[in-house]
């Protein structure tokens, strides 16, 4: 899991930048949102983009809740296992502290990318005058500085602010044109530039061009929900899945499922294995699978689609009566 920090002072446009990045890269993200206000707002806005949001609202991740922050990062890595975790600190967070907190838990499966800081040209002088220590830290620790809002009418108008930013951070890439105008290669480099600034090689594709997703702690409300899920699975609702298997908690019991092509089977399970599942195929709808199968993302129960359990199991290898569960 690679971690990209998107920093910036309050109101600089961090959330809007993340939404644009999700559209331009089409990558599988989890976003850790550290809200400053008592009522979280930005997480809901990001959720509209079908992103997985992990909100931390109690304190700032650079200071008082850093142990909770580290624990949350490890939990995301071990359960959701996304390709990328986007960390959006509160606007008054000290970027250097956030970086140190992540570096303390980094290992071969968790690495830090070069941080991005968003700067609002309209409020630059006020932020520097009133919150200079925090604001300077966000600029000095960035690998890329993006000017999100500006009053300029020609490219030359940006030179004074770019010069001031360059004095604080001579090694950063400074983008003065609006990020929405950048081509996909620019966005891709944000996800391939490691903390030292080196460009990582593109991710190697699997030999058969297959993707996979492993989930731990999978659960559904009941056995009939599992049948409906597997019917949707083989119809392609969650991507072109050629193989899936696992153990899932279904109501008050554990069930084992196995999917090959357009056929599936369900059996009772009483072993000691934890509830976990794996899905292999192309164009996997990873966010949809996580939201459905992981307890933290399960939507509120709604009406089931009009499909009888007996019809739903018709493609399976076993009848519903074979299941070791009483919640039909």
Protein backbone atom coordinates (compact mmCIF):
# COMPACT_ATOMS: atom_id res chain seq x y z
CA UNK A 1 0.00 0.00 0.00
CA UNK A 2 1.38 3.37 -1.05
CA UNK A 3 0.43 6.45 0.98
CA UNK A 4 0.02 9.87 -0.62
CA UNK A 5 -0.48 12.84 1.72
CA UNK A 6 -2.54 15.72 0.27
CA UNK A 7 -1.82 18.66 2.58
CA UNK A 8 -2.88 22.31 2.48
CA UNK A 9 -4.29 25.02 4.69
CA UNK A 10 -7.98 25.31 5.53
CA UNK A 11 -10.00 26.02 2.40
CA UNK A 12 -7.14 25.49 -0.05
CA UNK A 13 -9.11 22.89 -2.02
CA UNK A 14 -7.70 19.54 -0.90
CA UNK A 15 -10.98 17.64 -1.19
CA UNK A 16 -11.71 18.99 -4.67
CA UNK A 17 -8.19 18.02 -5.75
CA UNK A 18 -8.70 14.44 -4.48
CA UNK A 19 -12.00 14.17 -6.36
CA UNK A 20 -10.27 15.27 -9.56
CA UNK A 21 -7.43 12.81 -9.00
CA UNK A 22 -9.93 9.96 -8.60
CA UNK A 23 -11.51 10.86 -11.93
CA UNK A 24 -8.22 11.30 -13.81
CA UNK A 25 -6.45 8.18 -12.56
CA UNK A 26 -9.33 5.71 -12.14
CA UNK A 27 -7.37 4.00 -9.36
CA UNK A 28 -8.54 2.07 -6.34
CA UNK A 29 -8.27 4.55 -3.42
CA UNK A 30 -9.07 4.61 0.23
CA UNK A 31 -9.16 8.16 1.60
CA UNK A 32 -8.35 8.91 5.24
CA UNK A 33 -10.11 12.16 6.07
CA UNK A 34 -9.00 14.09 9.18
CA UNK A 35 -11.82 16.60 9.71
CA UNK A 36 -11.22 19.65 11.91
CA UNK A 37 -14.83 20.64 12.55
CA UNK A 38 -17.20 18.87 14.91
CA UNK A 39 -19.42 17.77 12.02
CA UNK A 40 -17.60 15.96 9.16
CA UNK A 41 -18.46 17.37 5.74
CA UNK A 42 -15.66 16.51 3.29
CA UNK A 43 -16.00 12.76 3.81
CA UNK A 44 -19.55 12.90 2.48
CA UNK A 45 -18.43 14.87 -0.56
CA UNK A 46 -15.72 12.33 -1.34
CA UNK A 47 -18.16 9.48 -0.79
CA UNK A 48 -20.19 10.79 -3.71
CA UNK A 49 -17.24 9.81 -5.92
CA UNK A 50 -17.57 6.14 -4.84
CA UNK A 51 -14.39 6.38 -2.77
CA UNK A 52 -13.87 4.49 0.48
CA UNK A 53 -13.67 7.07 3.25
CA UNK A 54 -12.04 6.49 6.64
CA UNK A 55 -12.83 9.49 8.85
CA UNK A 56 -10.85 10.58 11.91
CA UNK A 57 -12.59 13.44 13.69
CA UNK A 58 -11.13 13.31 17.19
CA UNK A 59 -8.11 15.59 17.12
CA UNK A 60 -5.37 16.10 14.57
CA UNK A 61 -3.43 13.15 13.16
CA UNK A 62 -0.17 15.04 13.53
CA UNK A 63 -0.37 15.29 17.31
CA UNK A 64 -2.84 14.11 19.99
CA UNK A 65 -4.31 11.09 18.18
CA UNK A 66 -1.18 9.93 16.36
CA UNK A 67 -1.40 6.45 17.95
CA UNK A 68 -4.98 6.11 16.68
CA UNK A 69 -3.78 7.36 13.30
CA UNK A 70 -1.04 4.73 13.08
CA UNK A 71 -3.47 2.03 14.17
CA UNK A 72 -5.97 3.12 11.52
CA UNK A 73 -3.33 3.03 8.78
CA UNK A 74 -2.32 -0.50 9.76
CA UNK A 75 -5.97 -1.59 9.92
CA UNK A 76 -6.59 -0.26 6.41
CA UNK A 77 -3.47 -2.01 5.11
CA UNK A 78 -4.38 -5.35 6.70
CA UNK A 79 -8.13 -5.41 5.98
CA UNK A 80 -8.89 -3.27 2.94
CA UNK A 81 -5.42 -3.65 1.38
CA UNK A 82 -5.89 -0.88 -1.23
CA UNK A 83 -3.26 0.00 -3.81
CA UNK A 84 -3.25 3.58 -2.51
CA UNK A 85 -4.21 5.32 0.71
CA UNK A 86 -4.79 9.06 0.32
CA UNK A 87 -4.28 10.89 3.63
CA UNK A 88 -5.91 14.32 3.89
CA UNK A 89 -4.77 15.96 7.14
CA UNK A 90 -6.72 18.79 8.67
CA UNK A 91 -5.76 22.17 7.21
CA UNK A 92 -4.01 23.16 10.45
CA UNK A 93 -2.01 19.94 10.61
CA UNK A 94 1.78 20.00 10.72
CA UNK A 95 2.85 18.09 7.62
CA UNK A 96 6.29 17.15 8.94
CA UNK A 97 4.67 15.46 11.94
CA UNK A 98 2.24 13.51 9.76
CA UNK A 99 5.19 12.33 7.65
CA UNK A 100 7.10 11.18 10.75
CA UNK A 101 4.08 9.31 12.10
CA UNK A 102 3.76 7.37 8.84
CA UNK A 103 7.49 6.69 8.58
CA UNK A 104 7.39 5.02 12.00
CA UNK A 105 5.05 2.32 10.70
CA UNK A 106 6.38 2.03 7.14
CA UNK A 107 7.70 -1.37 6.05
CA UNK A 108 7.79 -3.41 2.85
CA UNK A 109 3.98 -3.35 2.47
CA UNK A 110 3.50 0.32 3.45
CA UNK A 111 5.49 3.03 1.69
CA UNK A 112 5.22 6.82 1.59
CA UNK A 113 4.97 8.75 -1.66
CA UNK A 114 6.16 12.32 -2.20
CA UNK A 115 3.62 14.61 -0.45
CA UNK A 116 1.47 17.17 -2.23
CA UNK A 117 0.58 20.57 -0.74
CA UNK A 118 -2.31 22.65 -2.11
CA UNK A 119 -1.86 26.45 -1.93
CA UNK A 120 -4.57 29.08 -2.39
CA UNK A 121 -3.03 32.19 -3.98
CA UNK A 122 -5.84 34.39 -2.66
CA UNK A 123 -5.10 33.59 1.00
CA UNK A 124 -1.33 33.04 0.81
CA UNK A 125 -0.34 36.32 2.49
CA UNK A 126 -2.91 36.01 5.28
CA UNK A 127 -1.96 32.39 6.03
CA UNK A 128 1.72 33.29 6.09
CA UNK A 129 1.10 36.24 8.40
CA UNK A 130 -1.26 34.54 10.83
CA UNK A 131 -0.21 30.88 10.71
CA UNK A 132 3.32 31.14 9.36
CA UNK A 133 4.87 28.19 11.21
CA UNK A 134 2.23 25.67 10.11
CA UNK A 135 1.91 27.09 6.60
CA UNK A 136 5.67 27.15 5.98
CA UNK A 137 5.98 23.57 7.20
CA UNK A 138 3.34 22.42 4.71
CA UNK A 139 5.26 24.11 1.88
CA UNK A 140 8.78 23.06 2.93
CA UNK A 141 7.85 19.37 3.28
CA UNK A 142 6.03 19.02 -0.05
CA UNK A 143 7.39 17.24 -3.08
CA UNK A 144 4.75 18.88 -5.29
CA UNK A 145 3.11 22.28 -4.65
CA UNK A 146 -0.16 22.89 -6.47
CA UNK A 147 -1.62 26.42 -6.68
CA UNK A 148 -5.34 25.70 -6.68
CA UNK A 149 -6.94 29.15 -6.79
CA UNK A 150 -5.52 32.32 -8.30
CA UNK A 151 -6.54 35.78 -9.62
CA UNK A 152 -4.12 35.76 -12.57
CA UNK A 153 -5.00 36.62 -16.16
CA UNK A 154 -1.69 35.62 -17.77
CA UNK A 155 1.03 33.01 -16.99
CA UNK A 156 3.55 35.72 -16.06
CA UNK A 157 1.36 36.89 -13.19
CA UNK A 158 2.23 33.73 -11.26
CA UNK A 159 5.97 34.50 -11.14
CA UNK A 160 6.03 36.46 -7.81
CA UNK A 161 4.20 33.74 -5.84
CA UNK A 162 6.14 30.94 -7.52
CA UNK A 163 9.36 32.76 -6.55
CA UNK A 164 8.29 32.98 -2.90
CA UNK A 165 7.38 29.31 -2.86
CA UNK A 166 10.71 28.45 -4.49
CA UNK A 167 12.55 30.31 -1.70
CA UNK A 168 10.88 28.05 0.86
CA UNK A 169 11.24 24.83 -1.14
CA UNK A 170 13.73 24.85 -3.98
CA UNK A 171 13.35 21.17 -4.81
CA UNK A 172 9.57 20.90 -5.19
CA UNK A 173 7.65 20.81 -8.43
CA UNK A 174 5.44 23.94 -8.45
CA UNK A 175 2.31 23.84 -10.59
CA UNK A 176 0.87 27.30 -11.28
CA UNK A 177 -1.54 26.29 -14.05
CA UNK A 178 -4.75 24.70 -12.83
CA UNK A 179 -4.44 20.98 -12.16
CA UNK A 180 -7.61 20.19 -14.12
CA UNK A 181 -5.64 21.03 -17.29
CA UNK A 182 -2.94 18.43 -16.63
CA UNK A 183 -2.78 15.28 -18.72
CA UNK A 184 -3.08 11.76 -17.24
CA UNK A 185 0.71 11.31 -17.17
CA UNK A 186 1.08 14.14 -14.64
CA UNK A 187 -1.48 12.55 -12.33
CA UNK A 188 0.16 9.16 -12.76
CA UNK A 189 3.50 10.53 -11.59
CA UNK A 190 1.94 11.67 -8.31
CA UNK A 191 1.28 7.98 -7.62
CA UNK A 192 4.73 6.81 -8.74
CA UNK A 193 7.04 9.37 -7.13
CA UNK A 194 8.41 7.95 -3.88
CA UNK A 195 9.26 10.05 -0.83
CA UNK A 196 12.83 10.65 -2.04
CA UNK A 197 11.54 11.95 -5.38
CA UNK A 198 12.56 8.91 -7.42
CA UNK A 199 10.06 7.64 -9.98
CA UNK A 200 8.85 4.12 -9.30
CA UNK A 201 8.43 1.71 -12.24
CA UNK A 202 4.87 1.06 -13.43
CA UNK A 203 3.04 -1.68 -11.56
CA UNK A 204 3.72 -5.02 -13.21
CA UNK A 205 0.66 -6.66 -14.65
CA UNK A 206 -0.22 -10.22 -13.78
CA UNK A 207 0.78 -12.78 -16.41
CA UNK A 208 -2.84 -13.48 -17.29
CA UNK A 209 -3.84 -9.81 -16.82
CA UNK A 210 -5.99 -10.80 -13.84
CA UNK A 211 -6.63 -8.70 -10.78
CA UNK A 212 -7.44 -10.03 -7.33
CA UNK A 213 -8.97 -8.78 -4.10
CA UNK A 214 -8.69 -10.40 -0.69
CA UNK A 215 -11.01 -9.36 2.15
CA UNK A 216 -10.96 -10.33 5.83
CA UNK A 217 -13.98 -10.18 8.12
CA UNK A 218 -16.55 -10.64 5.34
CA UNK A 219 -20.18 -10.74 6.43
CA UNK A 220 -23.76 -10.52 5.13
CA UNK A 221 -27.06 -10.29 7.04
CA UNK A 222 -28.16 -13.83 6.18
CA UNK A 223 -27.96 -16.87 3.91
CA UNK A 224 -30.45 -15.53 1.38
CA UNK A 225 -28.31 -12.41 1.02
CA UNK A 226 -25.35 -14.62 0.14
CA UNK A 227 -27.36 -16.36 -2.58
CA UNK A 228 -28.45 -13.06 -4.10
CA UNK A 229 -24.86 -11.81 -3.91
CA UNK A 230 -23.50 -14.86 -5.73
CA UNK A 231 -26.20 -14.58 -8.40
CA UNK A 232 -25.16 -10.96 -8.96
CA UNK A 233 -21.52 -12.02 -8.94
CA UNK A 234 -21.84 -14.53 -11.77
CA UNK A 235 -23.93 -12.04 -13.78
CA UNK A 236 -21.00 -9.62 -13.76
CA UNK A 237 -22.32 -7.02 -11.30
CA UNK A 238 -18.92 -6.91 -9.54
CA UNK A 239 -16.67 -7.28 -12.59
CA UNK A 240 -15.61 -10.14 -14.83
CA UNK A 241 -14.88 -12.60 -12.02
CA UNK A 242 -13.63 -16.02 -13.06
CA UNK A 243 -12.88 -17.40 -9.58
CA UNK A 244 -14.03 -16.59 -6.06
CA UNK A 245 -14.05 -18.52 -2.84
CA UNK A 246 -14.08 -18.00 0.89
CA UNK A 247 -15.87 -18.20 4.20
CA UNK A 248 -18.44 -15.58 5.10
CA UNK A 249 -20.46 -14.85 8.23
CA UNK A 250 -24.11 -15.02 7.22
CA UNK A 251 -26.36 -14.05 10.09
CA UNK A 252 -25.68 -16.44 12.95
CA UNK A 253 -23.47 -18.91 11.13
CA UNK A 254 -20.51 -19.29 8.80
CA UNK A 255 -20.92 -20.45 5.21
CA UNK A 256 -18.33 -21.49 2.66
CA UNK A 257 -18.81 -20.48 -0.97
CA UNK A 258 -16.99 -21.41 -4.15
CA UNK A 259 -17.42 -19.78 -7.58
CA UNK A 260 -15.98 -21.02 -10.87
CA UNK A 261 -17.19 -19.26 -14.00
CA UNK A 262 -20.99 -19.19 -13.92
CA UNK A 263 -21.43 -21.86 -11.25
CA UNK A 264 -21.26 -21.61 -7.48
CA UNK A 265 -21.71 -23.79 -4.44
CA UNK A 266 -22.55 -23.02 -0.81
CA UNK A 267 -21.85 -25.32 2.13
CA UNK A 268 -21.96 -25.04 5.87
CA UNK A 269 -18.70 -24.39 7.66
CA UNK A 270 -17.74 -25.11 11.24
CA UNK A 271 -13.93 -24.95 11.13
CA UNK A 272 -11.64 -22.50 12.82
CA UNK A 273 -10.90 -20.32 9.78
CA UNK A 274 -11.74 -16.61 9.99
CA UNK A 275 -14.29 -15.11 7.61
CA UNK A 276 -12.27 -14.17 4.54
CA UNK A 277 -12.84 -14.16 0.79
CA UNK A 278 -10.84 -13.78 -2.41
CA UNK A 279 -12.01 -12.64 -5.85
CA UNK A 280 -10.00 -13.06 -9.08
CA UNK A 281 -10.84 -11.62 -12.49
CA UNK A 282 -10.79 -8.46 -14.61
CA UNK A 283 -12.25 -5.01 -13.91
CA UNK A 284 -13.09 -5.91 -10.32
CA UNK A 285 -15.51 -3.51 -8.63
CA UNK A 286 -13.40 -3.45 -5.48
CA UNK A 287 -15.16 -0.59 -3.74
CA UNK A 288 -18.58 -2.18 -4.28
CA UNK A 289 -17.36 -5.52 -2.93
CA UNK A 290 -15.86 -3.87 0.16
CA UNK A 291 -18.96 -1.81 0.88
CA UNK A 292 -21.17 -4.87 0.63
CA UNK A 293 -19.05 -7.46 2.44
CA UNK A 294 -17.10 -5.55 5.09
CA UNK A 295 -19.11 -4.66 8.21
CA UNK A 296 -17.93 -1.04 8.18
CA UNK A 297 -19.32 -0.57 4.68
CA UNK A 298 -22.50 -2.68 4.78
CA UNK A 299 -25.45 -0.40 3.83
CA UNK A 300 -28.56 -0.24 5.97
CA UNK A 301 -30.77 -3.26 5.30
CA UNK A 302 -33.24 -2.59 2.51
CA UNK A 303 -35.87 -4.60 0.70
CA UNK A 304 -34.52 -7.67 -1.06
CA UNK A 305 -34.99 -7.88 -4.81
CA UNK A 306 -37.97 -10.06 -5.77
CA UNK A 307 -36.15 -13.35 -6.21
CA UNK A 308 -36.97 -16.51 -4.31
CA UNK A 309 -34.16 -18.47 -2.63
CA UNK A 310 -35.15 -21.60 -4.52
CA UNK A 311 -34.73 -19.84 -7.87
CA UNK A 312 -31.51 -18.17 -6.80
CA UNK A 313 -29.84 -21.43 -5.88
CA UNK A 314 -30.79 -23.13 -9.13
CA UNK A 315 -27.36 -22.55 -10.63
CA UNK A 316 -25.58 -23.79 -7.52
CA UNK A 317 -24.45 -27.29 -6.80
CA UNK A 318 -26.34 -27.71 -3.51
CA UNK A 319 -29.85 -26.98 -2.35
CA UNK A 320 -30.70 -24.49 0.36
CA UNK A 321 -31.70 -27.35 2.64
CA UNK A 322 -28.05 -28.46 2.72
CA UNK A 323 -26.94 -25.24 4.41
CA UNK A 324 -26.15 -25.47 8.10
CA UNK A 325 -28.06 -22.34 9.02
CA UNK A 326 -31.56 -21.50 10.23
CA UNK A 327 -32.00 -17.93 9.04
CA UNK A 328 -33.92 -18.55 5.76
